[in-house]
Full PDB file with SEQRES, HELIX, SHEET, SSBOND, CRYST1, ORIGX, SCALE, CONECT and MASTER records, all heavy atoms in Angstrom:
SEQRES   1 A   30  GLY ARG GLY ARG GLY VAL GLN ARG ALA THR VAL HIS ARG          
SEQRES   2 A   30  LEU LEU ALA GLN HIS PRO LEU VAL VAL HIS PHE ARG ASP          
SEQRES   3 A   30  ASP PRO ALA ALA                                              
HELIX    1 AA1 VAL A    6  GLN A   17  1                                  12    
CRYST1    1.000    1.000    1.000  90.00  90.00  90.00 P 1           1          
ORIGX1      1.000000  0.000000  0.000000        0.00000                         
ORIGX2      0.000000  1.000000  0.000000        0.00000                         
ORIGX3      0.000000  0.000000  1.000000        0.00000                         
SCALE1      1.000000  0.000000  0.000000        0.00000                         
SCALE2      0.000000  1.000000  0.000000        0.00000                         
SCALE3      0.000000  0.000000  1.000000        0.00000                         
ATOM      1  N   GLY A   1       0.844  -1.191  -0.010  1.00  0.00           N  
ATOM      2  CA  GLY A   1      -0.010   0.012   0.030  1.00  0.00           C  
ATOM      3  C   GLY A   1       0.856   1.257   0.028  1.00  0.00           C  
ATOM      4  O   GLY A   1       2.061   1.207   0.225  1.00  0.00           O  
ATOM      5  N   ARG A   2       0.222   2.407  -0.225  1.00  0.00           N  
ATOM      6  CA  ARG A   2       0.943   3.687  -0.315  1.00  0.00           C  
ATOM      7  C   ARG A   2       0.977   4.356   0.971  1.00  0.00           C  
ATOM      8  O   ARG A   2       1.987   4.583   1.585  1.00  0.00           O  
ATOM      9  CB  ARG A   2       0.440   4.516  -1.477  1.00  0.00           C  
ATOM     10  CG  ARG A   2       0.669   3.915  -2.814  1.00  0.00           C  
ATOM     11  CD  ARG A   2       0.222   4.829  -3.935  1.00  0.00           C  
ATOM     12  NE  ARG A   2      -1.214   5.145  -3.822  1.00  0.00           N  
ATOM     13  CZ  ARG A   2      -1.909   5.709  -4.728  1.00  0.00           C  
ATOM     14  NH1 ARG A   2      -1.298   6.156  -5.845  1.00  0.00           N  
ATOM     15  NH2 ARG A   2      -3.151   5.925  -4.667  1.00  0.00           N  
ATOM     16  N   GLY A   3      -0.197   4.806   1.468  1.00  0.00           N  
ATOM     17  CA  GLY A   3      -0.193   5.487   2.790  1.00  0.00           C  
ATOM     18  C   GLY A   3       0.932   6.448   3.036  1.00  0.00           C  
ATOM     19  O   GLY A   3       1.346   7.231   2.180  1.00  0.00           O  
ATOM     20  N   ARG A   4       1.405   6.376   4.252  1.00  0.00           N  
ATOM     21  CA  ARG A   4       2.586   7.200   4.699  1.00  0.00           C  
ATOM     22  C   ARG A   4       3.918   6.574   4.364  1.00  0.00           C  
ATOM     23  O   ARG A   4       4.932   7.124   4.753  1.00  0.00           O  
ATOM     24  CB  ARG A   4       2.412   7.522   6.174  1.00  0.00           C  
ATOM     25  CG  ARG A   4       1.178   8.337   6.540  1.00  0.00           C  
ATOM     26  CD  ARG A   4       1.127   8.642   7.979  1.00  0.00           C  
ATOM     27  NE  ARG A   4       1.742   7.625   8.839  1.00  0.00           N  
ATOM     28  CZ  ARG A   4       1.243   7.197   9.975  1.00  0.00           C  
ATOM     29  NH1 ARG A   4       0.108   7.665  10.405  1.00  0.00           N  
ATOM     30  NH2 ARG A   4       1.793   6.240  10.652  1.00  0.00           N  
ATOM     31  N   GLY A   5       3.953   5.343   3.917  1.00  0.00           N  
ATOM     32  CA  GLY A   5       5.155   4.702   3.559  1.00  0.00           C  
ATOM     33  C   GLY A   5       5.793   3.869   4.640  1.00  0.00           C  
ATOM     34  O   GLY A   5       6.881   3.327   4.530  1.00  0.00           O  
ATOM     35  N   VAL A   6       5.022   3.697   5.796  1.00  0.00           N  
ATOM     36  CA  VAL A   6       5.634   2.927   6.882  1.00  0.00           C  
ATOM     37  C   VAL A   6       5.789   1.439   6.532  1.00  0.00           C  
ATOM     38  O   VAL A   6       6.918   0.859   6.762  1.00  0.00           O  
ATOM     39  CB  VAL A   6       4.785   3.104   8.148  1.00  0.00           C  
ATOM     40  CG1 VAL A   6       5.255   2.228   9.303  1.00  0.00           C  
ATOM     41  CG2 VAL A   6       4.674   4.542   8.534  1.00  0.00           C  
ATOM     42  N   GLN A   7       4.803   0.849   5.927  1.00  0.00           N  
ATOM     43  CA  GLN A   7       4.884  -0.616   5.569  1.00  0.00           C  
ATOM     44  C   GLN A   7       5.937  -0.750   4.488  1.00  0.00           C  
ATOM     45  O   GLN A   7       6.711  -1.702   4.551  1.00  0.00           O  
ATOM     46  CB  GLN A   7       3.561  -1.110   5.058  1.00  0.00           C  
ATOM     47  CG  GLN A   7       2.423  -1.069   6.083  1.00  0.00           C  
ATOM     48  CD  GLN A   7       2.630  -1.992   7.210  1.00  0.00           C  
ATOM     49  OE1 GLN A   7       3.681  -2.327   7.676  1.00  0.00           O  
ATOM     50  NE2 GLN A   7       1.496  -2.441   7.783  1.00  0.00           N  
ATOM     51  N   ARG A   8       5.974   0.135   3.573  1.00  0.00           N  
ATOM     52  CA  ARG A   8       6.992   0.022   2.483  1.00  0.00           C  
ATOM     53  C   ARG A   8       8.399   0.089   3.097  1.00  0.00           C  
ATOM     54  O   ARG A   8       9.279  -0.710   2.671  1.00  0.00           O  
ATOM     55  CB  ARG A   8       6.836   1.195   1.492  1.00  0.00           C  
ATOM     56  CG  ARG A   8       7.821   1.259   0.385  1.00  0.00           C  
ATOM     57  CD  ARG A   8       7.516   2.408  -0.559  1.00  0.00           C  
ATOM     58  NE  ARG A   8       8.550   2.614  -1.543  1.00  0.00           N  
ATOM     59  CZ  ARG A   8       9.675   3.355  -1.387  1.00  0.00           C  
ATOM     60  NH1 ARG A   8       9.839   3.994  -0.210  1.00  0.00           N  
ATOM     61  NH2 ARG A   8      10.574   3.452  -2.254  1.00  0.00           N  
ATOM     62  N   ALA A   9       8.593   1.021   4.035  1.00  0.00           N  
ATOM     63  CA  ALA A   9       9.922   1.114   4.628  1.00  0.00           C  
ATOM     64  C   ALA A   9      10.279  -0.177   5.420  1.00  0.00           C  
ATOM     65  O   ALA A   9      11.478  -0.658   5.363  1.00  0.00           O  
ATOM     66  CB  ALA A   9       9.975   2.314   5.580  1.00  0.00           C  
ATOM     67  N   THR A  10       9.355  -0.745   6.114  1.00  0.00           N  
ATOM     68  CA  THR A  10       9.549  -2.003   6.792  1.00  0.00           C  
ATOM     69  C   THR A  10       9.945  -3.115   5.842  1.00  0.00           C  
ATOM     70  O   THR A  10      10.901  -3.827   6.083  1.00  0.00           O  
ATOM     71  CB  THR A  10       8.329  -2.448   7.638  1.00  0.00           C  
ATOM     72  OG1 THR A  10       8.031  -1.381   8.625  1.00  0.00           O  
ATOM     73  CG2 THR A  10       8.532  -3.731   8.331  1.00  0.00           C  
ATOM     74  N   VAL A  11       9.204  -3.209   4.748  1.00  0.00           N  
ATOM     75  CA  VAL A  11       9.467  -4.242   3.748  1.00  0.00           C  
ATOM     76  C   VAL A  11      10.797  -4.073   3.150  1.00  0.00           C  
ATOM     77  O   VAL A  11      11.607  -4.982   3.028  1.00  0.00           O  
ATOM     78  CB  VAL A  11       8.373  -4.250   2.688  1.00  0.00           C  
ATOM     79  CG1 VAL A  11       8.709  -5.096   1.474  1.00  0.00           C  
ATOM     80  CG2 VAL A  11       7.038  -4.766   3.273  1.00  0.00           C  
ATOM     81  N   HIS A  12      11.118  -2.846   2.766  1.00  0.00           N  
ATOM     82  CA  HIS A  12      12.423  -2.510   2.088  1.00  0.00           C  
ATOM     83  C   HIS A  12      13.639  -2.758   3.026  1.00  0.00           C  
ATOM     84  O   HIS A  12      14.653  -3.244   2.569  1.00  0.00           O  
ATOM     85  CB  HIS A  12      12.420  -1.135   1.517  1.00  0.00           C  
ATOM     86  CG  HIS A  12      11.588  -0.975   0.277  1.00  0.00           C  
ATOM     87  ND1 HIS A  12      11.853   0.023  -0.674  1.00  0.00           N  
ATOM     88  CD2 HIS A  12      10.595  -1.721  -0.213  1.00  0.00           C  
ATOM     89  CE1 HIS A  12      11.025  -0.132  -1.627  1.00  0.00           C  
ATOM     90  NE2 HIS A  12      10.245  -1.181  -1.408  1.00  0.00           N  
ATOM     91  N   ARG A  13      13.458  -2.451   4.243  1.00  0.00           N  
ATOM     92  CA  ARG A  13      14.544  -2.734   5.315  1.00  0.00           C  
ATOM     93  C   ARG A  13      14.864  -4.219   5.328  1.00  0.00           C  
ATOM     94  O   ARG A  13      15.959  -4.622   5.356  1.00  0.00           O  
ATOM     95  CB  ARG A  13      14.114  -2.176   6.679  1.00  0.00           C  
ATOM     96  CG  ARG A  13      14.916  -1.084   7.150  1.00  0.00           C  
ATOM     97  CD  ARG A  13      14.641  -0.721   8.609  1.00  0.00           C  
ATOM     98  NE  ARG A  13      13.364  -0.842   9.097  1.00  0.00           N  
ATOM     99  CZ  ARG A  13      12.361   0.039   9.010  1.00  0.00           C  
ATOM    100  NH1 ARG A  13      12.556   1.171   8.381  1.00  0.00           N  
ATOM    101  NH2 ARG A  13      11.170  -0.162   9.480  1.00  0.00           N  
ATOM    102  N   LEU A  14      13.767  -5.034   5.428  1.00  0.00           N  
ATOM    103  CA  LEU A  14      13.992  -6.486   5.433  1.00  0.00           C  
ATOM    104  C   LEU A  14      14.532  -6.951   4.174  1.00  0.00           C  
ATOM    105  O   LEU A  14      15.512  -7.806   4.220  1.00  0.00           O  
ATOM    106  CB  LEU A  14      12.595  -7.136   5.684  1.00  0.00           C  
ATOM    107  CG  LEU A  14      12.756  -8.675   5.752  1.00  0.00           C  
ATOM    108  CD1 LEU A  14      12.549  -9.179   7.136  1.00  0.00           C  
ATOM    109  CD2 LEU A  14      11.842  -9.346   4.805  1.00  0.00           C  
ATOM    110  N   LEU A  15      14.060  -6.504   3.038  1.00  0.00           N  
ATOM    111  CA  LEU A  15      14.600  -7.005   1.749  1.00  0.00           C  
ATOM    112  C   LEU A  15      16.047  -6.650   1.568  1.00  0.00           C  
ATOM    113  O   LEU A  15      16.846  -7.449   0.989  1.00  0.00           O  
ATOM    114  CB  LEU A  15      13.764  -6.427   0.580  1.00  0.00           C  
ATOM    115  CG  LEU A  15      12.297  -6.843   0.546  1.00  0.00           C  
ATOM    116  CD1 LEU A  15      11.629  -6.095  -0.635  1.00  0.00           C  
ATOM    117  CD2 LEU A  15      12.136  -8.344   0.385  1.00  0.00           C  
ATOM    118  N   ALA A  16      16.460  -5.510   2.037  1.00  0.00           N  
ATOM    119  CA  ALA A  16      17.843  -5.052   1.878  1.00  0.00           C  
ATOM    120  C   ALA A  16      18.810  -5.969   2.563  1.00  0.00           C  
ATOM    121  O   ALA A  16      20.004  -6.028   2.113  1.00  0.00           O  
ATOM    122  CB  ALA A  16      17.949  -3.591   2.355  1.00  0.00           C  
ATOM    123  N   GLN A  17      18.415  -6.691   3.584  1.00  0.00           N  
ATOM    124  CA  GLN A  17      19.411  -7.501   4.287  1.00  0.00           C  
ATOM    125  C   GLN A  17      19.065  -9.086   4.159  1.00  0.00           C  
ATOM    126  O   GLN A  17      19.756  -9.840   4.744  1.00  0.00           O  
ATOM    127  CB  GLN A  17      19.392  -7.140   5.752  1.00  0.00           C  
ATOM    128  CG  GLN A  17      18.110  -7.178   6.473  1.00  0.00           C  
ATOM    129  CD  GLN A  17      18.137  -6.597   7.812  1.00  0.00           C  
ATOM    130  OE1 GLN A  17      19.166  -6.103   8.332  1.00  0.00           O  
ATOM    131  NE2 GLN A  17      17.035  -6.612   8.572  1.00  0.00           N  
ATOM    132  N   HIS A  18      18.005  -9.344   3.403  1.00  0.00           N  
ATOM    133  CA  HIS A  18      17.597 -10.743   3.359  1.00  0.00           C  
ATOM    134  C   HIS A  18      18.520 -11.596   2.428  1.00  0.00           C  
ATOM    135  O   HIS A  18      18.838 -11.167   1.348  1.00  0.00           O  
ATOM    136  CB  HIS A  18      16.125 -10.857   2.811  1.00  0.00           C  
ATOM    137  CG  HIS A  18      15.538 -12.162   3.165  1.00  0.00           C  
ATOM    138  ND1 HIS A  18      15.811 -13.343   2.576  1.00  0.00           N  
ATOM    139  CD2 HIS A  18      14.607 -12.432   4.102  1.00  0.00           C  
ATOM    140  CE1 HIS A  18      15.089 -14.303   3.127  1.00  0.00           C  
ATOM    141  NE2 HIS A  18      14.295 -13.776   4.027  1.00  0.00           N  
ATOM    142  N   PRO A  19      19.084 -12.698   2.932  1.00  0.00           N  
ATOM    143  CA  PRO A  19      19.998 -13.468   2.201  1.00  0.00           C  
ATOM    144  C   PRO A  19      19.533 -14.095   0.900  1.00  0.00           C  
ATOM    145  O   PRO A  19      20.279 -14.427  -0.022  1.00  0.00           O  
ATOM    146  CB  PRO A  19      20.437 -14.571   3.215  1.00  0.00           C  
ATOM    147  CG  PRO A  19      19.350 -14.699   4.135  1.00  0.00           C  
ATOM    148  CD  PRO A  19      18.686 -13.298   4.197  1.00  0.00           C  
ATOM    149  N   LEU A  20      18.197 -14.262   0.696  1.00  0.00           N  
ATOM    150  CA  LEU A  20      17.669 -14.820  -0.495  1.00  0.00           C  
ATOM    151  C   LEU A  20      17.275 -13.753  -1.614  1.00  0.00           C  
ATOM    152  O   LEU A  20      16.974 -14.114  -2.707  1.00  0.00           O  
ATOM    153  CB  LEU A  20      16.412 -15.648  -0.189  1.00  0.00           C  
ATOM    154  CG  LEU A  20      16.688 -16.890   0.721  1.00  0.00           C  
ATOM    155  CD1 LEU A  20      15.380 -17.587   1.023  1.00  0.00           C  
ATOM    156  CD2 LEU A  20      17.638 -17.833   0.074  1.00  0.00           C  
ATOM    157  N   VAL A  21      17.399 -12.503  -1.188  1.00  0.00           N  
ATOM    158  CA  VAL A  21      16.961 -11.442  -2.150  1.00  0.00           C  
ATOM    159  C   VAL A  21      18.132 -10.916  -2.925  1.00  0.00           C  
ATOM    160  O   VAL A  21      19.187 -10.545  -2.322  1.00  0.00           O  
ATOM    161  CB  VAL A  21      16.312 -10.285  -1.406  1.00  0.00           C  
ATOM    162  CG1 VAL A  21      16.025  -9.076  -2.305  1.00  0.00           C  
ATOM    163  CG2 VAL A  21      15.010 -10.683  -0.697  1.00  0.00           C  
ATOM    164  N   VAL A  22      18.033 -10.951  -4.241  1.00  0.00           N  
ATOM    165  CA  VAL A  22      19.117 -10.469  -5.131  1.00  0.00           C  
ATOM    166  C   VAL A  22      18.838  -9.012  -5.426  1.00  0.00           C  
ATOM    167  O   VAL A  22      19.743  -8.178  -5.387  1.00  0.00           O  
ATOM    168  CB  VAL A  22      19.076 -11.285  -6.458  1.00  0.00           C  
ATOM    169  CG1 VAL A  22      20.059 -10.665  -7.423  1.00  0.00           C  
ATOM    170  CG2 VAL A  22      19.387 -12.745  -6.236  1.00  0.00           C  
ATOM    171  N   HIS A  23      17.582  -8.682  -5.646  1.00  0.00           N  
ATOM    172  CA  HIS A  23      17.249  -7.286  -6.090  1.00  0.00           C  
ATOM    173  C   HIS A  23      15.771  -6.950  -5.726  1.00  0.00           C  
ATOM    174  O   HIS A  23      14.961  -7.898  -5.763  1.00  0.00           O  
ATOM    175  CB  HIS A  23      17.520  -7.156  -7.554  1.00  0.00           C  
ATOM    176  CG  HIS A  23      17.160  -5.785  -8.164  1.00  0.00           C  
ATOM    177  ND1 HIS A  23      17.883  -4.701  -7.949  1.00  0.00           N  
ATOM    178  CD2 HIS A  23      16.055  -5.449  -8.889  1.00  0.00           C  
ATOM    179  CE1 HIS A  23      17.316  -3.697  -8.577  1.00  0.00           C  
ATOM    180  NE2 HIS A  23      16.199  -4.079  -9.148  1.00  0.00           N  
ATOM    181  N   PHE A  24      15.465  -5.748  -5.466  1.00  0.00           N  
ATOM    182  CA  PHE A  24      14.131  -5.348  -5.253  1.00  0.00           C  
ATOM    183  C   PHE A  24      13.944  -3.916  -5.751  1.00  0.00           C  
ATOM    184  O   PHE A  24      14.876  -3.112  -5.768  1.00  0.00           O  
ATOM    185  CB  PHE A  24      13.600  -5.527  -3.808  1.00  0.00           C  
ATOM    186  CG  PHE A  24      14.296  -4.627  -2.824  1.00  0.00           C  
ATOM    187  CD1 PHE A  24      13.739  -3.392  -2.500  1.00  0.00           C  
ATOM    188  CD2 PHE A  24      15.422  -5.002  -2.204  1.00  0.00           C  
ATOM    189  CE1 PHE A  24      14.341  -2.591  -1.568  1.00  0.00           C  
ATOM    190  CE2 PHE A  24      16.041  -4.200  -1.281  1.00  0.00           C  
ATOM    191  CZ  PHE A  24      15.515  -2.952  -0.975  1.00  0.00           C  
ATOM    192  N   ARG A  25      12.768  -3.531  -6.156  1.00  0.00           N  
ATOM    193  CA  ARG A  25      12.410  -2.210  -6.637  1.00  0.00           C  
ATOM    194  C   ARG A  25      10.918  -1.942  -6.549  1.00  0.00           C  
ATOM    195  O   ARG A  25      10.145  -2.904  -6.441  1.00  0.00           O  
ATOM    196  CB  ARG A  25      12.903  -2.065  -8.044  1.00  0.00           C  
ATOM    197  CG  ARG A  25      12.156  -2.978  -9.081  1.00  0.00           C  
ATOM    198  CD  ARG A  25      12.746  -2.788 -10.457  1.00  0.00           C  
ATOM    199  NE  ARG A  25      12.173  -3.787 -11.378  1.00  0.00           N  
ATOM    200  CZ  ARG A  25      11.145  -3.542 -12.211  1.00  0.00           C  
ATOM    201  NH1 ARG A  25      10.529  -2.375 -12.101  1.00  0.00           N  
ATOM    202  NH2 ARG A  25      10.658  -4.422 -12.973  1.00  0.00           N  
ATOM    203  N   ASP A  26      10.545  -0.752  -6.438  1.00  0.00           N  
ATOM    204  CA  ASP A  26       9.178  -0.308  -6.478  1.00  0.00           C  
ATOM    205  C   ASP A  26       8.592  -0.783  -7.767  1.00  0.00           C  
ATOM    206  O   ASP A  26       9.189  -0.708  -8.877  1.00  0.00           O  
ATOM    207  CB  ASP A  26       8.995   1.171  -6.331  1.00  0.00           C  
ATOM    208  CG  ASP A  26       9.373   1.658  -4.898  1.00  0.00           C  
ATOM    209  OD1 ASP A  26       8.980   1.039  -3.972  1.00  0.00           O  
ATOM    210  OD2 ASP A  26      10.130   2.701  -4.861  1.00  0.00           O  
ATOM    211  N   ASP A  27       7.376  -1.268  -7.720  1.00  0.00           N  
ATOM    212  CA  ASP A  27       6.591  -1.632  -8.917  1.00  0.00           C  
ATOM    213  C   ASP A  27       6.062  -0.384  -9.510  1.00  0.00           C  
ATOM    214  O   ASP A  27       5.206   0.340  -8.917  1.00  0.00           O  
ATOM    215  CB  ASP A  27       5.468  -2.572  -8.547  1.00  0.00           C  
ATOM    216  CG  ASP A  27       4.595  -3.011  -9.748  1.00  0.00           C  
ATOM    217  OD1 ASP A  27       4.891  -2.492 -10.862  1.00  0.00           O  
ATOM    218  OD2 ASP A  27       3.738  -3.840  -9.537  1.00  0.00           O  
ATOM    219  N   PRO A  28       6.547   0.041 -10.745  1.00  0.00           N  
ATOM    220  CA  PRO A  28       6.092   1.328 -11.311  1.00  0.00           C  
ATOM    221  C   PRO A  28       4.622   1.417 -11.600  1.00  0.00           C  
ATOM    222  O   PRO A  28       4.054   2.447 -11.593  1.00  0.00           O  
ATOM    223  CB  PRO A  28       6.957   1.398 -12.631  1.00  0.00           C  
ATOM    224  CG  PRO A  28       7.445   0.043 -12.878  1.00  0.00           C  
ATOM    225  CD  PRO A  28       7.538  -0.718 -11.586  1.00  0.00           C  
ATOM    226  N   ALA A  29       3.943   0.214 -11.822  1.00  0.00           N  
ATOM    227  CA  ALA A  29       2.526   0.204 -12.015  1.00  0.00           C  
ATOM    228  C   ALA A  29       1.690   0.464 -10.809  1.00  0.00           C  
ATOM    229  O   ALA A  29       0.521   0.769 -10.848  1.00  0.00           O  
ATOM    230  CB  ALA A  29       2.177  -1.058 -12.679  1.00  0.00           C  
ATOM    231  N   ALA A  30       2.355   0.333  -9.641  1.00  0.00           N  
ATOM    232  CA  ALA A  30       1.537   0.472  -8.337  1.00  0.00           C  
ATOM    233  C   ALA A  30       1.789   1.813  -7.662  1.00  0.00           C  
ATOM    234  O   ALA A  30       1.247   2.013  -6.593  1.00  0.00           O  
ATOM    235  CB  ALA A  30       2.004  -0.650  -7.376  1.00  0.00           C  
TER     236      ALA A  30                                                      
MASTER        0    0    0    1    0    0    0    6  235    1    0    3          
END                                                                             
């Protein structure tokens, strides 16, 4: 969701350090 960006920040923090994640980016369509 968009909102204030709290959930997005939580998700991105986790993805940035997750050992199985190679790359992540915002979905431009969303």
